[in-house]
Amino acid sequence: MAITGTKAASSNSNKNYFVNKCTIKEVVQQESQYNDVSLKVTLIDSRNEYSYICFINQNYEKDTNGIVTGLKFPDDVNTLYLATGKDLNVSDVGEINTEVLTDSEVACISYASTGKYKRAIWSVMSSWDDTDNLEAKFNEQVKKGYPKNYKKKSELESHVEEILTGKTYEANEVPF
């Protein structure tokens, strides 16, 4: 049977974010002026080999001597380790066993951003098998107004609509 036509790829999705299945290339623990620790996570997308960088921040519960006794909310570092199936070990001074995360598979969400860059990576990860739950958590946070740099659909839709309708402006309507 011969092919007698073409079919345009279509998407029924009206989201301005994507779930990316990635492999962790590198995790570096960095000092942060705002948090007790910041993990710089370099991710490689399994679909297109694109590289993402995400920062996961964490604060600790400490005793009166400054010894780490637990993780404060939100415990996104713990969520990262749960997503990879690895054990999280934090020393008394806050050093994390980041080397065990290399080559682990995680899912992350990239979304349209109002910030410096057009797209951003959400700092919460999941396993490849739990992407539905990751999306649900993300949508729940969006309803609460987080992440703060998330570009809402209405901004995107209005811009696309203007482009598609070929709307023209008078000289005094142009913002520049």
C-alpha atoms as a PDB file:
ATOM      1  CA  MET A   1       0.000   0.000   0.000  1.00  0.00           C
ATOM      2  CA  ALA A   2       1.416   3.349  -0.999  1.00  0.00           C
ATOM      3  CA  ILE A   3       1.269   6.490   1.053  1.00  0.00           C
ATOM      4  CA  THR A   4      -1.006   8.990  -0.666  1.00  0.00           C
ATOM      5  CA  GLY A   5      -1.019  11.935   1.707  1.00  0.00           C
ATOM      6  CA  THR A   6       0.614  13.610   4.611  1.00  0.00           C
ATOM      7  CA  LYS A   7      -0.461  13.984   8.171  1.00  0.00           C
ATOM      8  CA  ALA A   8       0.518  17.045  10.122  1.00  0.00           C
ATOM      9  CA  ALA A   9       1.794  16.365  13.588  1.00  0.00           C
ATOM     10  CA  SER A  10      -0.711  17.712  16.047  1.00  0.00           C
ATOM     11  CA  SER A  11      -0.781  18.187  19.757  1.00  0.00           C
ATOM     12  CA  ASN A  12      -3.938  18.370  21.812  1.00  0.00           C
ATOM     13  CA  SER A  13      -1.933  19.850  24.643  1.00  0.00           C
ATOM     14  CA  ASN A  14      -2.427  23.462  25.634  1.00  0.00           C
ATOM     15  CA  LYS A  15       0.451  23.535  28.129  1.00  0.00           C
ATOM     16  CA  ASN A  16       3.411  25.861  28.152  1.00  0.00           C
ATOM     17  CA  TYR A  17       5.679  23.384  29.895  1.00  0.00           C
ATOM     18  CA  PHE A  18       7.314  20.105  28.965  1.00  0.00           C
ATOM     19  CA  VAL A  19       8.229  17.006  30.932  1.00  0.00           C
ATOM     20  CA  ASN A  20      11.774  16.011  30.030  1.00  0.00           C
ATOM     21  CA  LYS A  21      13.259  12.593  30.738  1.00  0.00           C
ATOM     22  CA  CYS A  22      16.914  13.198  31.526  1.00  0.00           C
ATOM     23  CA  THR A  23      20.086  11.593  32.781  1.00  0.00           C
ATOM     24  CA  ILE A  24      22.131  13.328  35.460  1.00  0.00           C
ATOM     25  CA  LYS A  25      25.559  14.176  34.063  1.00  0.00           C
ATOM     26  CA  GLU A  26      26.988  15.953  37.101  1.00  0.00           C
ATOM     27  CA  VAL A  27      25.978  17.283  40.519  1.00  0.00           C
ATOM     28  CA  VAL A  28      28.110  19.912  42.247  1.00  0.00           C
ATOM     29  CA  GLN A  29      27.458  21.106  45.784  1.00  0.00           C
ATOM     30  CA  GLN A  30      27.878  24.874  46.016  1.00  0.00           C
ATOM     31  CA  GLU A  31      27.715  27.437  48.771  1.00  0.00           C
ATOM     32  CA  SER A  32      24.764  29.793  48.666  1.00  0.00           C
ATOM     33  CA  GLN A  33      24.199  33.139  50.338  1.00  0.00           C
ATOM     34  CA  TYR A  34      20.473  32.409  50.692  1.00  0.00           C
ATOM     35  CA  ASN A  35      20.408  28.687  51.561  1.00  0.00           C
ATOM     36  CA  ASP A  36      22.517  26.254  53.537  1.00  0.00           C
ATOM     37  CA  VAL A  37      23.389  24.394  50.335  1.00  0.00           C
ATOM     38  CA  SER A  38      22.728  24.577  46.606  1.00  0.00           C
ATOM     39  CA  LEU A  39      23.154  21.652  44.227  1.00  0.00           C
ATOM     40  CA  LYS A  40      24.004  22.517  40.624  1.00  0.00           C
ATOM     41  CA  VAL A  41      22.554  19.628  38.628  1.00  0.00           C
ATOM     42  CA  THR A  42      23.529  19.172  34.972  1.00  0.00           C
ATOM     43  CA  LEU A  43      20.950  17.121  33.073  1.00  0.00           C
ATOM     44  CA  ILE A  44      21.081  15.610  29.568  1.00  0.00           C
ATOM     45  CA  ASP A  45      17.733  15.164  27.804  1.00  0.00           C
ATOM     46  CA  SER A  46      17.329  11.547  26.671  1.00  0.00           C
ATOM     47  CA  ARG A  47      15.325  12.579  23.600  1.00  0.00           C
ATOM     48  CA  ASN A  48      17.548  15.227  22.014  1.00  0.00           C
ATOM     49  CA  GLU A  49      20.799  15.270  24.070  1.00  0.00           C
ATOM     50  CA  TYR A  50      20.069  18.875  25.110  1.00  0.00           C
ATOM     51  CA  SER A  51      21.794  19.966  28.314  1.00  0.00           C
ATOM     52  CA  TYR A  52      19.888  21.631  31.181  1.00  0.00           C
ATOM     53  CA  ILE A  53      21.232  23.151  34.380  1.00  0.00           C
ATOM     54  CA  CYS A  54      19.064  23.238  37.466  1.00  0.00           C
ATOM     55  CA  PHE A  55      19.794  24.504  40.970  1.00  0.00           C
ATOM     56  CA  ILE A  56      18.224  22.712  43.908  1.00  0.00           C
ATOM     57  CA  ASN A  57      18.418  24.642  47.172  1.00  0.00           C
ATOM     58  CA  GLN A  58      18.126  23.211  50.662  1.00  0.00           C
ATOM     59  CA  ASN A  59      18.160  24.472  54.231  1.00  0.00           C
ATOM     60  CA  TYR A  60      18.952  22.285  57.236  1.00  0.00           C
ATOM     61  CA  GLU A  61      17.609  21.890  60.724  1.00  0.00           C
ATOM     62  CA  LYS A  62      20.544  22.332  63.101  1.00  0.00           C
ATOM     63  CA  ASP A  63      21.127  21.917  66.820  1.00  0.00           C
ATOM     64  CA  THR A  64      22.607  24.638  69.034  1.00  0.00           C
ATOM     65  CA  ASN A  65      26.148  23.635  67.981  1.00  0.00           C
ATOM     66  CA  GLY A  66      25.370  23.999  64.261  1.00  0.00           C
ATOM     67  CA  ILE A  67      25.315  20.243  63.626  1.00  0.00           C
ATOM     68  CA  VAL A  68      22.883  19.202  60.873  1.00  0.00           C
ATOM     69  CA  THR A  69      19.988  17.186  62.289  1.00  0.00           C
ATOM     70  CA  GLY A  70      17.505  17.178  59.395  1.00  0.00           C
ATOM     71  CA  LEU A  71      16.160  18.830  56.244  1.00  0.00           C
ATOM     72  CA  LYS A  72      13.841  21.830  56.350  1.00  0.00           C
ATOM     73  CA  PHE A  73      10.800  22.168  54.106  1.00  0.00           C
ATOM     74  CA  PRO A  74      10.822  22.103  51.126  1.00  0.00           C
ATOM     75  CA  ASP A  75      13.078  19.089  50.986  1.00  0.00           C
ATOM     76  CA  ASP A  76      13.738  19.117  47.248  1.00  0.00           C
ATOM     77  CA  VAL A  77      17.138  17.441  47.727  1.00  0.00           C
ATOM     78  CA  ASN A  78      15.372  14.485  49.355  1.00  0.00           C
ATOM     79  CA  THR A  79      12.883  14.418  46.453  1.00  0.00           C
ATOM     80  CA  LEU A  80      15.818  14.248  44.005  1.00  0.00           C
ATOM     81  CA  TYR A  81      17.287  11.244  45.818  1.00  0.00           C
ATOM     82  CA  LEU A  82      13.875   9.538  45.968  1.00  0.00           C
ATOM     83  CA  ALA A  83      13.491  10.064  42.200  1.00  0.00           C
ATOM     84  CA  THR A  84      16.830   8.374  41.554  1.00  0.00           C
ATOM     85  CA  GLY A  85      16.328   5.566  44.082  1.00  0.00           C
ATOM     86  CA  LYS A  86      19.600   6.485  45.797  1.00  0.00           C
ATOM     87  CA  ASP A  87      20.278   6.946  49.506  1.00  0.00           C
ATOM     88  CA  LEU A  88      20.797  10.508  50.739  1.00  0.00           C
ATOM     89  CA  ASN A  89      23.633  10.957  53.222  1.00  0.00           C
ATOM     90  CA  VAL A  90      24.299  14.356  54.794  1.00  0.00           C
ATOM     91  CA  SER A  91      27.297  14.834  57.074  1.00  0.00           C
ATOM     92  CA  ASP A  92      27.180  16.769  60.357  1.00  0.00           C
ATOM     93  CA  VAL A  93      28.516  19.839  58.515  1.00  0.00           C
ATOM     94  CA  GLY A  94      26.074  19.548  55.585  1.00  0.00           C
ATOM     95  CA  GLU A  95      28.153  17.763  52.938  1.00  0.00           C
ATOM     96  CA  ILE A  96      25.935  15.670  50.634  1.00  0.00           C
ATOM     97  CA  ASN A  97      26.943  12.469  48.827  1.00  0.00           C
ATOM     98  CA  THR A  98      26.336  13.878  45.334  1.00  0.00           C
ATOM     99  CA  GLU A  99      28.587  11.423  43.475  1.00  0.00           C
ATOM    100  CA  VAL A 100      25.965   8.638  43.673  1.00  0.00           C
ATOM    101  CA  LEU A 101      23.583  10.657  41.463  1.00  0.00           C
ATOM    102  CA  THR A 102      25.772  10.603  38.324  1.00  0.00           C
ATOM    103  CA  ASP A 103      24.123   8.695  35.429  1.00  0.00           C
ATOM    104  CA  SER A 104      20.786   8.437  37.274  1.00  0.00           C
ATOM    105  CA  GLU A 105      17.568   8.928  35.310  1.00  0.00           C
ATOM    106  CA  VAL A 106      15.141  11.663  36.405  1.00  0.00           C
ATOM    107  CA  ALA A 107      12.242  13.587  34.921  1.00  0.00           C
ATOM    108  CA  CYS A 108      12.114  17.370  35.137  1.00  0.00           C
ATOM    109  CA  ILE A 109       9.810  20.120  33.928  1.00  0.00           C
ATOM    110  CA  SER A 110      10.943  22.967  31.712  1.00  0.00           C
ATOM    111  CA  TYR A 111       8.518  25.863  31.455  1.00  0.00           C
ATOM    112  CA  ALA A 112       8.088  29.196  29.711  1.00  0.00           C
ATOM    113  CA  SER A 113       9.621  31.855  31.922  1.00  0.00           C
ATOM    114  CA  THR A 114       9.165  35.585  32.444  1.00  0.00           C
ATOM    115  CA  GLY A 115      12.751  35.829  33.699  1.00  0.00           C
ATOM    116  CA  LYS A 116      16.087  36.453  32.025  1.00  0.00           C
ATOM    117  CA  TYR A 117      15.846  33.274  29.959  1.00  0.00           C
ATOM    118  CA  LYS A 118      12.846  32.135  27.891  1.00  0.00           C
ATOM    119  CA  ARG A 119      12.717  28.717  29.576  1.00  0.00           C
ATOM    120  CA  ALA A 120      13.480  27.563  33.108  1.00  0.00           C
ATOM    121  CA  ILE A 121      13.777  24.199  34.869  1.00  0.00           C
ATOM    122  CA  TRP A 122      11.623  23.501  37.921  1.00  0.00           C
ATOM    123  CA  SER A 123      13.747  22.330  40.849  1.00  0.00           C
ATOM    124  CA  VAL A 124      11.533  19.318  41.698  1.00  0.00           C
ATOM    125  CA  MET A 125      12.401  16.009  40.016  1.00  0.00           C
ATOM    126  CA  SER A 126      10.723  12.626  39.722  1.00  0.00           C
ATOM    127  CA  SER A 127      11.505   9.205  38.332  1.00  0.00           C
ATOM    128  CA  TRP A 128      10.720   8.486  34.693  1.00  0.00           C
ATOM    129  CA  ASP A 129       7.800   6.327  35.827  1.00  0.00           C
ATOM    130  CA  ASP A 130       6.187   9.051  37.950  1.00  0.00           C
ATOM    131  CA  THR A 131       5.834  11.942  35.495  1.00  0.00           C
ATOM    132  CA  ASP A 132       2.046  12.193  35.975  1.00  0.00           C
ATOM    133  CA  ASN A 133       2.571  12.927  39.673  1.00  0.00           C
ATOM    134  CA  LEU A 134       5.317  15.441  38.800  1.00  0.00           C
ATOM    135  CA  GLU A 135       2.947  17.285  36.461  1.00  0.00           C
ATOM    136  CA  ALA A 136       0.203  17.277  39.116  1.00  0.00           C
ATOM    137  CA  LYS A 137       2.604  18.779  41.699  1.00  0.00           C
ATOM    138  CA  PHE A 138       3.722  21.402  39.197  1.00  0.00           C
ATOM    139  CA  ASN A 139       0.148  22.402  38.312  1.00  0.00           C
ATOM    140  CA  GLU A 140      -0.709  22.589  42.020  1.00  0.00           C
ATOM    141  CA  GLN A 141       2.207  24.989  42.583  1.00  0.00           C
ATOM    142  CA  VAL A 142       1.214  27.084  39.547  1.00  0.00           C
ATOM    143  CA  LYS A 143      -2.257  27.542  41.062  1.00  0.00           C
ATOM    144  CA  LYS A 144      -0.546  28.869  44.216  1.00  0.00           C
ATOM    145  CA  GLY A 145       1.520  31.336  42.148  1.00  0.00           C
ATOM    146  CA  TYR A 146       4.791  29.396  42.002  1.00  0.00           C
ATOM    147  CA  PRO A 147       7.255  29.375  40.383  1.00  0.00           C
ATOM    148  CA  LYS A 148       7.247  33.164  40.405  1.00  0.00           C
ATOM    149  CA  ASN A 149       8.787  33.389  36.922  1.00  0.00           C
ATOM    150  CA  TYR A 150       6.193  31.062  35.319  1.00  0.00           C
ATOM    151  CA  LYS A 151       4.677  32.592  32.179  1.00  0.00           C
ATOM    152  CA  LYS A 152       0.939  32.055  32.347  1.00  0.00           C
ATOM    153  CA  LYS A 153      -0.951  30.697  29.352  1.00  0.00           C
ATOM    154  CA  SER A 154      -2.929  33.862  28.805  1.00  0.00           C
ATOM    155  CA  GLU A 155       0.222  35.836  27.987  1.00  0.00           C
ATOM    156  CA  LEU A 156       1.309  33.187  25.505  1.00  0.00           C
ATOM    157  CA  GLU A 157      -2.127  32.734  23.985  1.00  0.00           C
ATOM    158  CA  SER A 158      -2.677  36.427  23.405  1.00  0.00           C
ATOM    159  CA  HIS A 159       0.716  36.781  21.713  1.00  0.00           C
ATOM    160  CA  VAL A 160       0.105  33.746  19.479  1.00  0.00           C
ATOM    161  CA  GLU A 161      -3.383  34.975  18.652  1.00  0.00           C
ATOM    162  CA  GLU A 162      -1.998  38.353  17.539  1.00  0.00           C
ATOM    163  CA  ILE A 163       0.544  36.640  15.320  1.00  0.00           C
ATOM    164  CA  LEU A 164      -2.027  34.263  13.798  1.00  0.00           C
ATOM    165  CA  THR A 165      -4.630  36.948  13.157  1.00  0.00           C
ATOM    166  CA  GLY A 166      -2.052  39.308  11.651  1.00  0.00           C
ATOM    167  CA  LYS A 167      -3.207  42.169  13.857  1.00  0.00           C
ATOM    168  CA  THR A 168      -1.667  45.467  12.837  1.00  0.00           C
ATOM    169  CA  TYR A 169      -1.017  48.452  15.055  1.00  0.00           C
ATOM    170  CA  GLU A 170      -1.223  52.183  14.527  1.00  0.00           C
ATOM    171  CA  ALA A 171       2.007  54.138  15.067  1.00  0.00           C
ATOM    172  CA  ASN A 172       0.768  55.555  18.395  1.00  0.00           C
ATOM    173  CA  GLU A 173      -0.082  52.034  19.705  1.00  0.00           C
ATOM    174  CA  VAL A 174       3.442  50.620  19.357  1.00  0.00           C
ATOM    175  CA  PRO A 175       5.188  50.469  22.768  1.00  0.00           C
ATOM    176  CA  PHE A 176       8.581  51.587  21.443  1.00  0.00           C
END
